């Protein structure tokens, strides 16, 4: 049983944002793949993205310099890139597949191992989550408040999304977690697993890492 990590990328990097955004001197993609390899539970990594950015992705991952990392041309969006990466990785039905998000580059090792442990224990899919702390209101088409959601039952998902290879191959949509529904197990997420999409997000993760003395 191998653990294969897929990092699908979309068109956001056309404008040098997303996975190619630089943080602490390196693209987020470099940090994300390095985190996967350092977790100790991933055997190989496949990165796929729009063809026009493959050279940039390869240059970013030259900083990682690991033979177990493969970069290839995917599709025009993240869903197509995930399918390309899955096909190229040629997993056995019993292999485990982690679908990771390059915009969550500081996901802790404990999160990766927790997802893998759930899969090894028999889950067909697993994902890290964190409780929702904001009050969530329901509004109508006129933006009039119509109700309040019970946030004790709400969770925000992080990455990686973990699947048994045969299960992921058998899904037919771009949202396998929703398609699998009640079969998906959850594990505890972590603040460091936050998604980095703005300057504010980068400032927050910098503060979190600095507070813990993370180089």
N, C-alpha and C. Protein backbone atom coordinates (compact mmCIF):
# COMPACT_ATOMS: atom_id res chain seq x y z
N UNK A 1 0.84 -1.20 0.00
CA UNK A 1 0.00 0.00 0.00
C UNK A 1 0.88 1.25 0.00
N UNK A 2 0.75 2.05 -1.06
CA UNK A 2 1.48 3.31 -1.15
C UNK A 2 0.56 4.48 -0.84
N UNK A 3 1.16 5.57 -0.39
CA UNK A 3 0.42 6.82 -0.18
C UNK A 3 0.92 7.81 -1.23
N UNK A 4 0.01 8.21 -2.12
CA UNK A 4 0.34 9.12 -3.22
C UNK A 4 -0.35 10.45 -2.97
N UNK A 5 0.41 11.52 -3.03
CA UNK A 5 -0.16 12.86 -2.85
C UNK A 5 -0.30 13.55 -4.20
N UNK A 6 -1.50 14.02 -4.49
CA UNK A 6 -1.76 14.79 -5.71
C UNK A 6 -1.91 16.26 -5.34
N UNK A 7 -1.27 17.13 -6.11
CA UNK A 7 -1.40 18.58 -5.89
C UNK A 7 -1.90 19.18 -7.20
N UNK A 8 -3.23 19.25 -7.38
CA UNK A 8 -3.79 19.81 -8.61
C UNK A 8 -3.84 21.34 -8.55
N UNK A 9 -3.52 21.97 -9.66
CA UNK A 9 -3.47 23.44 -9.71
C UNK A 9 -4.34 23.94 -10.86
N UNK A 10 -4.85 25.17 -10.70
CA UNK A 10 -5.72 25.74 -11.71
C UNK A 10 -5.14 26.97 -12.36
N UNK A 11 -5.98 27.74 -12.98
CA UNK A 11 -5.54 28.89 -13.78
C UNK A 11 -5.17 30.12 -12.98
N UNK A 12 -5.35 30.09 -11.68
CA UNK A 12 -5.06 31.29 -10.88
C UNK A 12 -3.61 31.72 -11.02
N UNK A 13 -2.73 30.78 -11.29
CA UNK A 13 -1.30 31.10 -11.39
C UNK A 13 -0.92 31.80 -12.69
N UNK A 14 -1.90 31.99 -13.57
CA UNK A 14 -1.62 32.74 -14.80
C UNK A 14 -1.13 34.15 -14.44
N UNK A 15 -1.61 34.67 -13.32
CA UNK A 15 -1.23 36.03 -12.90
C UNK A 15 -0.23 36.00 -11.75
N UNK A 16 0.50 34.89 -11.65
CA UNK A 16 1.55 34.74 -10.64
C UNK A 16 1.01 34.91 -9.23
N UNK A 17 -0.18 34.36 -9.02
CA UNK A 17 -0.72 34.28 -7.67
C UNK A 17 -0.90 32.81 -7.35
N UNK A 18 -1.67 32.48 -6.36
CA UNK A 18 -1.89 31.08 -6.04
C UNK A 18 -0.61 30.37 -5.65
N UNK A 19 -0.36 29.20 -6.27
CA UNK A 19 0.77 28.36 -5.88
C UNK A 19 2.12 29.01 -6.09
N UNK A 20 2.19 30.00 -6.97
CA UNK A 20 3.48 30.65 -7.24
C UNK A 20 3.72 31.90 -6.39
N UNK A 21 2.76 32.24 -5.54
CA UNK A 21 2.96 33.36 -4.61
C UNK A 21 4.16 33.06 -3.73
N UNK A 22 5.05 34.01 -3.58
CA UNK A 22 6.26 33.78 -2.80
C UNK A 22 6.05 34.16 -1.34
N UNK A 23 6.57 33.31 -0.47
CA UNK A 23 6.49 33.53 0.97
C UNK A 23 7.80 33.04 1.58
N UNK A 24 8.43 33.91 2.34
CA UNK A 24 9.74 33.58 2.92
C UNK A 24 10.72 33.12 1.84
N UNK A 25 10.64 33.78 0.69
CA UNK A 25 11.62 33.55 -0.38
C UNK A 25 11.33 32.41 -1.31
N UNK A 26 10.22 31.68 -1.09
CA UNK A 26 9.90 30.54 -1.96
C UNK A 26 8.42 30.55 -2.31
N UNK A 27 8.07 29.95 -3.45
CA UNK A 27 6.65 29.83 -3.80
C UNK A 27 5.91 28.95 -2.78
N UNK A 28 4.63 29.22 -2.62
CA UNK A 28 3.82 28.40 -1.71
C UNK A 28 3.87 26.93 -2.12
N UNK A 29 3.94 26.67 -3.43
CA UNK A 29 4.01 25.29 -3.91
C UNK A 29 5.22 24.56 -3.34
N UNK A 30 6.35 25.22 -3.25
CA UNK A 30 7.56 24.60 -2.70
C UNK A 30 7.35 24.22 -1.24
N UNK A 31 6.76 25.15 -0.47
CA UNK A 31 6.49 24.87 0.94
C UNK A 31 5.52 23.69 1.08
N UNK A 32 4.48 23.67 0.24
CA UNK A 32 3.45 22.64 0.35
C UNK A 32 4.02 21.25 0.06
N UNK A 33 4.79 21.13 -1.02
CA UNK A 33 5.34 19.82 -1.37
C UNK A 33 6.38 19.38 -0.36
N UNK A 34 7.17 20.32 0.12
CA UNK A 34 8.16 19.97 1.15
C UNK A 34 7.45 19.45 2.41
N UNK A 35 6.33 20.06 2.76
CA UNK A 35 5.57 19.60 3.92
C UNK A 35 5.04 18.19 3.74
N UNK A 36 4.58 17.88 2.53
CA UNK A 36 4.12 16.52 2.25
C UNK A 36 5.23 15.50 2.44
N UNK A 37 6.40 15.81 1.89
CA UNK A 37 7.53 14.87 1.98
C UNK A 37 8.04 14.74 3.41
N UNK A 38 8.04 15.83 4.15
CA UNK A 38 8.51 15.80 5.53
C UNK A 38 7.55 15.07 6.47
N UNK A 39 6.31 14.87 6.02
CA UNK A 39 5.33 14.21 6.89
C UNK A 39 5.73 12.77 7.22
N UNK A 40 6.53 12.18 6.33
CA UNK A 40 6.98 10.81 6.56
C UNK A 40 5.96 9.75 6.20
N UNK A 41 4.78 10.17 5.70
CA UNK A 41 3.76 9.18 5.35
C UNK A 41 3.38 9.21 3.88
N UNK A 42 4.11 10.01 3.08
CA UNK A 42 3.82 10.12 1.65
C UNK A 42 4.97 9.51 0.86
N UNK A 43 4.63 8.60 -0.06
CA UNK A 43 5.65 7.92 -0.84
C UNK A 43 6.06 8.68 -2.09
N UNK A 44 5.09 9.35 -2.73
CA UNK A 44 5.44 10.16 -3.89
C UNK A 44 4.39 11.24 -4.10
N UNK A 45 4.79 12.29 -4.84
CA UNK A 45 3.94 13.45 -5.05
C UNK A 45 3.82 13.72 -6.54
N UNK A 46 2.60 13.98 -7.00
CA UNK A 46 2.36 14.33 -8.40
C UNK A 46 1.69 15.70 -8.43
N UNK A 47 2.33 16.65 -9.10
CA UNK A 47 1.81 18.01 -9.24
C UNK A 47 1.35 18.18 -10.69
N UNK A 48 0.11 18.67 -10.87
CA UNK A 48 -0.40 18.88 -12.22
C UNK A 48 -1.08 20.24 -12.29
N UNK A 49 -0.83 20.96 -13.39
CA UNK A 49 -1.44 22.27 -13.56
C UNK A 49 -1.51 22.65 -15.03
N UNK A 50 -2.07 23.81 -15.33
CA UNK A 50 -2.18 24.25 -16.72
C UNK A 50 -0.84 24.18 -17.45
N UNK A 51 -0.83 23.71 -18.68
CA UNK A 51 0.43 23.52 -19.42
C UNK A 51 1.33 24.75 -19.47
N UNK A 52 0.73 25.95 -19.56
CA UNK A 52 1.56 27.14 -19.69
C UNK A 52 2.35 27.46 -18.43
N UNK A 53 2.04 26.78 -17.33
CA UNK A 53 2.76 27.05 -16.08
C UNK A 53 3.65 25.90 -15.63
N UNK A 54 3.73 24.84 -16.41
CA UNK A 54 4.51 23.68 -15.98
C UNK A 54 5.97 24.04 -15.73
N UNK A 55 6.55 24.88 -16.57
CA UNK A 55 7.95 25.27 -16.38
C UNK A 55 8.13 26.01 -15.06
N UNK A 56 7.18 26.88 -14.73
CA UNK A 56 7.26 27.63 -13.48
C UNK A 56 7.10 26.70 -12.28
N UNK A 57 6.19 25.73 -12.40
CA UNK A 57 6.02 24.77 -11.30
C UNK A 57 7.28 23.92 -11.13
N UNK A 58 7.86 23.50 -12.23
CA UNK A 58 9.09 22.70 -12.16
C UNK A 58 10.22 23.49 -11.52
N UNK A 59 10.32 24.77 -11.85
CA UNK A 59 11.36 25.61 -11.25
C UNK A 59 11.13 25.76 -9.76
N UNK A 60 9.87 25.90 -9.36
CA UNK A 60 9.56 26.03 -7.94
C UNK A 60 9.93 24.76 -7.19
N UNK A 61 9.70 23.61 -7.82
CA UNK A 61 9.97 22.36 -7.12
C UNK A 61 11.42 21.92 -7.24
N UNK A 62 12.21 22.61 -8.06
CA UNK A 62 13.65 22.35 -8.08
C UNK A 62 14.25 22.70 -6.72
N UNK A 63 13.57 23.60 -6.00
CA UNK A 63 14.03 23.98 -4.66
C UNK A 63 13.85 22.83 -3.68
N UNK A 64 12.89 21.96 -3.97
CA UNK A 64 12.64 20.80 -3.11
C UNK A 64 13.63 19.69 -3.43
N UNK A 65 13.90 19.51 -4.72
CA UNK A 65 14.93 18.57 -5.18
C UNK A 65 14.73 17.16 -4.63
N UNK A 66 13.62 16.57 -4.98
CA UNK A 66 13.32 15.21 -4.53
C UNK A 66 12.87 14.37 -5.71
N UNK A 67 13.44 13.19 -5.84
CA UNK A 67 13.14 12.33 -6.99
C UNK A 67 11.72 11.80 -6.96
N UNK A 68 11.05 11.87 -5.81
CA UNK A 68 9.71 11.34 -5.69
C UNK A 68 8.64 12.35 -6.08
N UNK A 69 9.05 13.49 -6.62
CA UNK A 69 8.11 14.53 -7.04
C UNK A 69 8.06 14.58 -8.56
N UNK A 70 6.86 14.51 -9.13
CA UNK A 70 6.67 14.56 -10.57
C UNK A 70 5.77 15.74 -10.92
N UNK A 71 6.14 16.50 -11.94
CA UNK A 71 5.35 17.64 -12.41
C UNK A 71 4.88 17.35 -13.82
N UNK A 72 3.59 17.58 -14.08
CA UNK A 72 3.08 17.31 -15.41
C UNK A 72 2.00 18.32 -15.79
N UNK A 73 1.70 18.35 -17.09
CA UNK A 73 0.64 19.23 -17.58
C UNK A 73 -0.71 18.63 -17.25
N UNK A 74 -1.54 19.45 -16.59
CA UNK A 74 -2.87 19.00 -16.24
C UNK A 74 -3.90 19.62 -17.15
N UNK A 75 -4.97 20.16 -16.57
CA UNK A 75 -6.02 20.76 -17.36
C UNK A 75 -6.13 22.25 -17.11
N UNK A 76 -7.22 22.82 -17.60
CA UNK A 76 -7.41 24.25 -17.47
C UNK A 76 -7.91 24.68 -16.11
N UNK A 77 -8.40 23.72 -15.32
CA UNK A 77 -8.84 24.05 -13.96
C UNK A 77 -8.39 22.97 -13.00
N UNK A 78 -8.67 23.19 -11.72
CA UNK A 78 -8.16 22.28 -10.69
C UNK A 78 -8.75 20.88 -10.81
N UNK A 79 -10.02 20.79 -11.20
CA UNK A 79 -10.65 19.48 -11.32
C UNK A 79 -10.00 18.67 -12.43
N UNK A 80 -9.77 19.29 -13.57
CA UNK A 80 -9.11 18.58 -14.68
C UNK A 80 -7.69 18.19 -14.31
N UNK A 81 -7.01 19.08 -13.58
CA UNK A 81 -5.64 18.77 -13.16
C UNK A 81 -5.61 17.60 -12.18
N UNK A 82 -6.62 17.52 -11.30
CA UNK A 82 -6.67 16.39 -10.37
C UNK A 82 -6.85 15.08 -11.13
N UNK A 83 -7.71 15.09 -12.12
CA UNK A 83 -7.93 13.87 -12.91
C UNK A 83 -6.67 13.47 -13.66
N UNK A 84 -5.95 14.46 -14.20
CA UNK A 84 -4.71 14.17 -14.90
C UNK A 84 -3.67 13.59 -13.95
N UNK A 85 -3.56 14.18 -12.76
CA UNK A 85 -2.59 13.71 -11.78
C UNK A 85 -2.93 12.30 -11.30
N UNK A 86 -4.21 12.02 -11.11
CA UNK A 86 -4.63 10.69 -10.67
C UNK A 86 -4.30 9.65 -11.73
N UNK A 87 -4.58 9.95 -12.98
CA UNK A 87 -4.27 9.02 -14.07
C UNK A 87 -2.77 8.78 -14.17
N UNK A 88 -1.99 9.86 -14.08
CA UNK A 88 -0.54 9.74 -14.22
C UNK A 88 0.10 8.99 -13.06
N UNK A 89 -0.52 9.07 -11.88
CA UNK A 89 0.06 8.41 -10.70
C UNK A 89 -0.14 6.90 -10.72
N UNK A 90 -1.07 6.41 -11.55
CA UNK A 90 -1.34 4.98 -11.72
C UNK A 90 -1.41 4.21 -10.39
N UNK A 91 -2.28 4.64 -9.47
CA UNK A 91 -2.34 3.95 -8.18
C UNK A 91 -2.98 2.58 -8.29
N UNK A 92 -2.55 1.68 -7.43
CA UNK A 92 -3.23 0.40 -7.27
C UNK A 92 -4.52 0.64 -6.50
N UNK A 93 -5.52 -0.23 -6.65
CA UNK A 93 -6.80 -0.01 -5.95
C UNK A 93 -6.66 0.14 -4.44
N UNK A 94 -5.65 -0.52 -3.87
CA UNK A 94 -5.47 -0.47 -2.42
C UNK A 94 -4.61 0.70 -1.95
N UNK A 95 -4.03 1.46 -2.90
CA UNK A 95 -3.22 2.62 -2.52
C UNK A 95 -4.11 3.70 -1.91
N UNK A 96 -3.47 4.60 -1.17
CA UNK A 96 -4.16 5.73 -0.58
C UNK A 96 -3.75 7.00 -1.32
N UNK A 97 -4.71 7.88 -1.56
CA UNK A 97 -4.45 9.10 -2.32
C UNK A 97 -4.83 10.31 -1.47
N UNK A 98 -3.89 11.22 -1.33
CA UNK A 98 -4.14 12.49 -0.65
C UNK A 98 -4.22 13.59 -1.70
N UNK A 99 -5.31 14.32 -1.73
CA UNK A 99 -5.45 15.46 -2.63
C UNK A 99 -5.18 16.72 -1.80
N UNK A 100 -4.02 17.33 -2.06
CA UNK A 100 -3.60 18.46 -1.23
C UNK A 100 -3.78 19.78 -1.97
N UNK A 101 -3.82 20.85 -1.21
CA UNK A 101 -4.03 22.20 -1.74
C UNK A 101 -2.75 23.00 -1.52
N UNK A 102 -2.15 23.48 -2.61
CA UNK A 102 -0.91 24.24 -2.50
C UNK A 102 -1.09 25.53 -1.72
N UNK A 103 -2.33 26.01 -1.61
CA UNK A 103 -2.57 27.23 -0.85
C UNK A 103 -2.69 26.96 0.65
N UNK A 104 -2.47 25.71 1.06
CA UNK A 104 -2.41 25.34 2.48
C UNK A 104 -1.03 24.73 2.76
N UNK A 105 0.04 25.51 2.57
CA UNK A 105 1.39 24.94 2.57
C UNK A 105 1.96 24.60 3.93
N UNK A 106 1.31 25.04 5.00
CA UNK A 106 1.88 24.79 6.33
C UNK A 106 1.02 23.84 7.15
N UNK A 107 0.29 22.99 6.45
CA UNK A 107 -0.45 21.92 7.11
C UNK A 107 0.52 21.08 7.93
N UNK A 108 0.26 20.87 9.22
CA UNK A 108 1.21 20.13 10.07
C UNK A 108 1.29 18.64 9.72
N UNK A 109 2.41 18.05 10.06
CA UNK A 109 2.60 16.61 9.86
C UNK A 109 1.49 15.81 10.52
N UNK A 110 1.08 16.24 11.73
CA UNK A 110 0.05 15.50 12.47
C UNK A 110 -1.26 15.41 11.69
N UNK A 111 -1.55 16.42 10.88
CA UNK A 111 -2.78 16.40 10.08
C UNK A 111 -2.68 15.35 8.98
N UNK A 112 -1.54 15.31 8.30
CA UNK A 112 -1.34 14.29 7.25
C UNK A 112 -1.45 12.88 7.85
N UNK A 113 -0.77 12.67 8.95
CA UNK A 113 -0.76 11.33 9.54
C UNK A 113 -2.14 10.94 10.05
N UNK A 114 -2.91 11.90 10.54
CA UNK A 114 -4.26 11.60 11.03
C UNK A 114 -5.17 11.15 9.89
N UNK A 115 -5.07 11.84 8.74
CA UNK A 115 -5.88 11.45 7.58
C UNK A 115 -5.48 10.06 7.10
N UNK A 116 -4.18 9.81 6.98
CA UNK A 116 -3.70 8.50 6.53
C UNK A 116 -4.11 7.40 7.51
N UNK A 117 -4.04 7.68 8.80
CA UNK A 117 -4.42 6.69 9.81
C UNK A 117 -5.89 6.30 9.68
N UNK A 118 -6.76 7.29 9.42
CA UNK A 118 -8.19 6.99 9.24
C UNK A 118 -8.39 6.07 8.04
N UNK A 119 -7.67 6.34 6.96
CA UNK A 119 -7.80 5.50 5.76
C UNK A 119 -7.28 4.09 6.03
N UNK A 120 -6.17 4.00 6.70
CA UNK A 120 -5.61 2.68 7.01
C UNK A 120 -6.51 1.89 7.96
N UNK A 121 -7.30 2.62 8.76
CA UNK A 121 -8.21 1.98 9.70
C UNK A 121 -9.50 1.52 9.03
N UNK A 122 -9.66 1.85 7.73
CA UNK A 122 -10.82 1.36 6.99
C UNK A 122 -11.71 2.40 6.37
N UNK A 123 -11.50 3.68 6.67
CA UNK A 123 -12.33 4.72 6.07
C UNK A 123 -12.08 4.78 4.57
N UNK A 124 -13.12 5.06 3.79
CA UNK A 124 -12.94 5.21 2.34
C UNK A 124 -12.50 6.62 1.99
N UNK A 125 -12.74 7.57 2.91
CA UNK A 125 -12.33 8.95 2.69
C UNK A 125 -12.22 9.65 4.05
N UNK A 126 -11.34 10.64 4.13
CA UNK A 126 -11.16 11.38 5.38
C UNK A 126 -10.67 12.78 5.05
N UNK A 127 -11.04 13.74 5.90
CA UNK A 127 -10.66 15.14 5.67
C UNK A 127 -10.51 15.84 7.02
N UNK A 128 -9.51 16.74 7.15
CA UNK A 128 -9.38 17.51 8.39
C UNK A 128 -10.39 18.66 8.41
N UNK A 129 -10.93 18.93 9.58
CA UNK A 129 -11.91 20.01 9.73
C UNK A 129 -11.62 20.82 10.98
N UNK A 130 -12.15 22.04 11.01
CA UNK A 130 -12.11 22.87 12.19
C UNK A 130 -13.50 23.41 12.47
N UNK A 131 -13.85 23.62 13.75
CA UNK A 131 -15.17 24.17 14.08
C UNK A 131 -15.35 25.57 13.51
N UNK A 132 -16.57 25.88 13.13
CA UNK A 132 -16.91 27.23 12.67
C UNK A 132 -17.22 28.09 13.89
N UNK A 133 -16.52 29.20 14.04
CA UNK A 133 -16.70 30.04 15.22
C UNK A 133 -17.55 31.27 14.96
N UNK A 134 -17.73 31.63 13.68
CA UNK A 134 -18.58 32.78 13.36
C UNK A 134 -20.06 32.40 13.42
N UNK A 135 -20.91 33.37 13.67
CA UNK A 135 -22.35 33.16 13.58
C UNK A 135 -22.75 33.20 12.10
N UNK A 136 -23.45 32.16 11.65
CA UNK A 136 -23.83 32.04 10.26
C UNK A 136 -25.33 32.34 10.10
N UNK A 137 -25.64 33.34 9.31
CA UNK A 137 -27.02 33.73 9.06
C UNK A 137 -27.48 33.25 7.68
N UNK A 138 -28.76 32.91 7.57
CA UNK A 138 -29.37 32.56 6.29
C UNK A 138 -30.12 33.79 5.78
N UNK A 139 -29.86 34.17 4.53
CA UNK A 139 -30.55 35.32 3.96
C UNK A 139 -31.28 34.90 2.69
N UNK A 140 -32.28 35.71 2.30
CA UNK A 140 -33.02 35.42 1.08
C UNK A 140 -32.44 36.21 -0.09
N UNK A 141 -33.10 36.18 -1.23
CA UNK A 141 -32.59 36.85 -2.42
C UNK A 141 -32.52 38.36 -2.28
N UNK A 142 -33.21 38.91 -1.29
CA UNK A 142 -33.17 40.35 -1.02
C UNK A 142 -32.20 40.70 0.11
N UNK A 143 -31.38 39.72 0.50
CA UNK A 143 -30.41 39.90 1.58
C UNK A 143 -31.07 40.20 2.92
N UNK A 144 -32.27 39.68 3.11
CA UNK A 144 -32.96 39.80 4.39
C UNK A 144 -32.70 38.54 5.21
N UNK A 145 -32.31 38.72 6.46
CA UNK A 145 -32.00 37.57 7.32
C UNK A 145 -33.25 36.76 7.58
N UNK A 146 -33.16 35.45 7.35
CA UNK A 146 -34.29 34.55 7.54
C UNK A 146 -34.05 33.49 8.61
N UNK A 147 -32.85 33.42 9.10
CA UNK A 147 -32.59 32.42 10.13
C UNK A 147 -31.12 32.36 10.49
N UNK A 148 -30.82 31.50 11.48
CA UNK A 148 -29.45 31.32 11.95
C UNK A 148 -29.11 29.84 11.94
N UNK A 149 -27.97 29.50 11.37
CA UNK A 149 -27.52 28.12 11.38
C UNK A 149 -26.91 27.76 12.72
N UNK A 150 -27.12 26.52 13.13
CA UNK A 150 -26.52 26.03 14.37
C UNK A 150 -25.05 25.72 14.10
N UNK A 151 -24.18 26.60 14.55
CA UNK A 151 -22.76 26.44 14.21
C UNK A 151 -22.11 25.26 14.91
N UNK A 152 -22.75 24.70 15.93
CA UNK A 152 -22.16 23.52 16.59
C UNK A 152 -22.09 22.33 15.64
N UNK A 153 -22.89 22.37 14.57
CA UNK A 153 -22.90 21.28 13.60
C UNK A 153 -22.13 21.63 12.33
N UNK A 154 -21.50 22.81 12.30
CA UNK A 154 -20.78 23.26 11.10
C UNK A 154 -19.28 23.08 11.27
N UNK A 155 -18.62 22.72 10.18
CA UNK A 155 -17.17 22.58 10.18
C UNK A 155 -16.62 23.16 8.87
N UNK A 156 -15.45 23.77 8.94
CA UNK A 156 -14.75 24.20 7.73
C UNK A 156 -13.71 23.13 7.40
N UNK A 157 -13.64 22.75 6.12
CA UNK A 157 -12.71 21.68 5.76
C UNK A 157 -11.36 22.27 5.38
N UNK A 158 -10.32 21.48 5.60
CA UNK A 158 -8.96 21.85 5.23
C UNK A 158 -8.44 20.81 4.24
N UNK A 159 -7.16 20.62 4.22
CA UNK A 159 -6.55 19.64 3.32
C UNK A 159 -5.43 18.93 4.09
N UNK A 160 -5.10 17.69 3.69
CA UNK A 160 -5.50 17.04 2.45
C UNK A 160 -6.83 16.30 2.58
N UNK A 161 -7.48 16.11 1.45
CA UNK A 161 -8.60 15.20 1.38
C UNK A 161 -8.02 13.83 1.05
N UNK A 162 -8.35 12.84 1.86
CA UNK A 162 -7.77 11.52 1.67
C UNK A 162 -8.78 10.51 1.19
N UNK A 163 -8.35 9.63 0.28
CA UNK A 163 -9.26 8.64 -0.29
C UNK A 163 -8.52 7.32 -0.52
N UNK A 164 -9.27 6.24 -0.51
CA UNK A 164 -8.75 5.01 -1.09
C UNK A 164 -8.76 5.20 -2.60
N UNK A 165 -7.71 4.74 -3.27
CA UNK A 165 -7.58 5.00 -4.71
C UNK A 165 -8.79 4.52 -5.49
N UNK A 166 -9.28 3.32 -5.17
CA UNK A 166 -10.43 2.77 -5.89
C UNK A 166 -11.66 3.65 -5.69
N UNK A 167 -11.79 4.21 -4.50
CA UNK A 167 -12.95 5.07 -4.20
C UNK A 167 -12.88 6.35 -5.01
N UNK A 168 -11.71 6.99 -5.03
CA UNK A 168 -11.57 8.25 -5.77
C UNK A 168 -11.78 8.03 -7.26
N UNK A 169 -11.26 6.94 -7.79
CA UNK A 169 -11.44 6.64 -9.21
C UNK A 169 -12.92 6.45 -9.55
N UNK A 170 -13.69 5.97 -8.57
CA UNK A 170 -15.09 5.68 -8.82
C UNK A 170 -16.01 6.88 -8.70
N UNK A 171 -15.49 8.04 -8.28
CA UNK A 171 -16.34 9.23 -8.20
C UNK A 171 -16.49 9.87 -9.56
N UNK A 172 -17.60 10.57 -9.75
CA UNK A 172 -17.91 11.10 -11.08
C UNK A 172 -18.01 12.62 -11.12
N UNK A 173 -17.77 13.28 -9.99
CA UNK A 173 -17.90 14.73 -9.96
C UNK A 173 -16.60 15.36 -9.50
N UNK A 174 -16.57 16.68 -9.51
CA UNK A 174 -15.40 17.41 -9.03
C UNK A 174 -15.43 17.62 -7.54
N UNK A 175 -16.45 17.06 -6.87
CA UNK A 175 -16.58 17.22 -5.42
C UNK A 175 -16.80 15.85 -4.79
N UNK A 176 -15.74 15.04 -4.71
CA UNK A 176 -15.91 13.67 -4.21
C UNK A 176 -16.38 13.61 -2.76
N UNK A 177 -16.04 14.61 -1.93
CA UNK A 177 -16.49 14.57 -0.54
C UNK A 177 -18.01 14.62 -0.46
N UNK A 178 -18.63 15.50 -1.24
CA UNK A 178 -20.08 15.58 -1.25
C UNK A 178 -20.69 14.32 -1.86
N UNK A 179 -20.05 13.82 -2.90
CA UNK A 179 -20.56 12.61 -3.55
C UNK A 179 -20.53 11.41 -2.61
N UNK A 180 -19.50 11.33 -1.78
CA UNK A 180 -19.37 10.20 -0.86
C UNK A 180 -20.19 10.39 0.41
N UNK A 181 -20.49 11.64 0.73
CA UNK A 181 -21.40 11.93 1.84
C UNK A 181 -21.01 11.31 3.17
N UNK A 182 -21.90 10.50 3.71
CA UNK A 182 -21.74 9.96 5.06
C UNK A 182 -20.57 8.99 5.19
N UNK A 183 -19.95 8.62 4.08
CA UNK A 183 -18.81 7.71 4.15
C UNK A 183 -17.52 8.43 4.55
N UNK A 184 -17.54 9.76 4.54
CA UNK A 184 -16.33 10.55 4.81
C UNK A 184 -16.14 10.74 6.31
N UNK A 185 -14.97 10.37 6.80
CA UNK A 185 -14.62 10.58 8.20
C UNK A 185 -13.89 11.91 8.35
N UNK A 186 -13.94 12.50 9.53
CA UNK A 186 -13.24 13.75 9.77
C UNK A 186 -12.18 13.56 10.85
N UNK A 187 -11.12 14.35 10.74
CA UNK A 187 -10.06 14.39 11.76
C UNK A 187 -9.85 15.85 12.14
N UNK A 188 -9.17 16.08 13.23
CA UNK A 188 -8.95 17.45 13.70
C UNK A 188 -8.02 18.21 12.76
N UNK A 189 -8.43 19.40 12.37
CA UNK A 189 -7.58 20.27 11.58
C UNK A 189 -6.67 21.07 12.49
N UNK A 190 -6.03 22.10 11.93
CA UNK A 190 -5.07 22.90 12.70
C UNK A 190 -5.04 24.31 12.12
N UNK A 191 -4.85 25.34 12.97
CA UNK A 191 -4.78 26.71 12.44
C UNK A 191 -3.73 26.89 11.34
N UNK A 192 -2.63 26.14 11.40
CA UNK A 192 -1.59 26.26 10.38
C UNK A 192 -2.06 25.73 9.02
N UNK A 193 -3.17 25.01 9.02
CA UNK A 193 -3.69 24.49 7.77
C UNK A 193 -4.57 25.49 7.04
N UNK A 194 -4.54 26.74 7.45
CA UNK A 194 -5.36 27.78 6.82
C UNK A 194 -5.00 27.97 5.35
N UNK A 195 -5.97 28.44 4.59
CA UNK A 195 -5.77 28.69 3.15
C UNK A 195 -5.19 30.09 2.98
N UNK A 196 -4.13 30.21 2.20
CA UNK A 196 -3.44 31.48 1.99
C UNK A 196 -3.78 32.04 0.62
N UNK A 197 -4.65 33.05 0.59
CA UNK A 197 -5.08 33.60 -0.70
C UNK A 197 -4.96 35.12 -0.76
N UNK A 198 -4.55 35.74 0.33
CA UNK A 198 -4.46 37.21 0.35
C UNK A 198 -3.25 37.65 1.16
N UNK A 199 -2.90 38.91 1.05
CA UNK A 199 -1.80 39.46 1.84
C UNK A 199 -2.10 39.34 3.32
N UNK A 200 -3.37 39.49 3.69
CA UNK A 200 -3.77 39.35 5.09
C UNK A 200 -3.48 37.93 5.59
N UNK A 201 -3.84 36.93 4.77
CA UNK A 201 -3.58 35.53 5.15
C UNK A 201 -2.09 35.29 5.36
N UNK A 202 -1.27 35.85 4.49
CA UNK A 202 0.18 35.67 4.61
C UNK A 202 0.70 36.31 5.90
N UNK A 203 0.14 37.46 6.26
CA UNK A 203 0.55 38.13 7.49
C UNK A 203 0.16 37.30 8.71
N UNK A 204 -1.03 36.68 8.64
CA UNK A 204 -1.49 35.86 9.76
C UNK A 204 -0.61 34.63 9.93
N UNK A 205 -0.32 33.91 8.83
CA UNK A 205 0.50 32.71 8.97
C UNK A 205 1.92 33.06 9.40
N UNK A 206 2.43 34.20 8.95
CA UNK A 206 3.76 34.64 9.39
C UNK A 206 3.77 34.85 10.89
N UNK A 207 2.71 35.46 11.41
CA UNK A 207 2.63 35.69 12.86
C UNK A 207 2.52 34.37 13.62
N UNK A 208 1.72 33.44 13.10
CA UNK A 208 1.57 32.16 13.76
C UNK A 208 2.90 31.38 13.79
N UNK A 209 3.58 31.35 12.66
CA UNK A 209 4.84 30.63 12.58
C UNK A 209 5.91 31.28 13.47
N UNK A 210 5.94 32.63 13.46
CA UNK A 210 6.94 33.34 14.26
C UNK A 210 6.69 33.11 15.75
N UNK A 211 5.41 33.08 16.15
CA UNK A 211 5.08 32.89 17.56
C UNK A 211 5.55 31.53 18.07
N UNK A 212 5.60 30.55 17.18
CA UNK A 212 6.04 29.22 17.56
C UNK A 212 7.51 28.96 17.24
N UNK A 213 8.16 29.98 16.71
CA UNK A 213 9.58 29.86 16.38
C UNK A 213 9.85 28.95 15.21
N UNK A 214 8.88 28.81 14.31
CA UNK A 214 9.07 27.96 13.14
C UNK A 214 9.90 28.70 12.11
N UNK A 215 11.02 28.12 11.68
CA UNK A 215 11.87 28.81 10.70
C UNK A 215 11.26 28.84 9.33
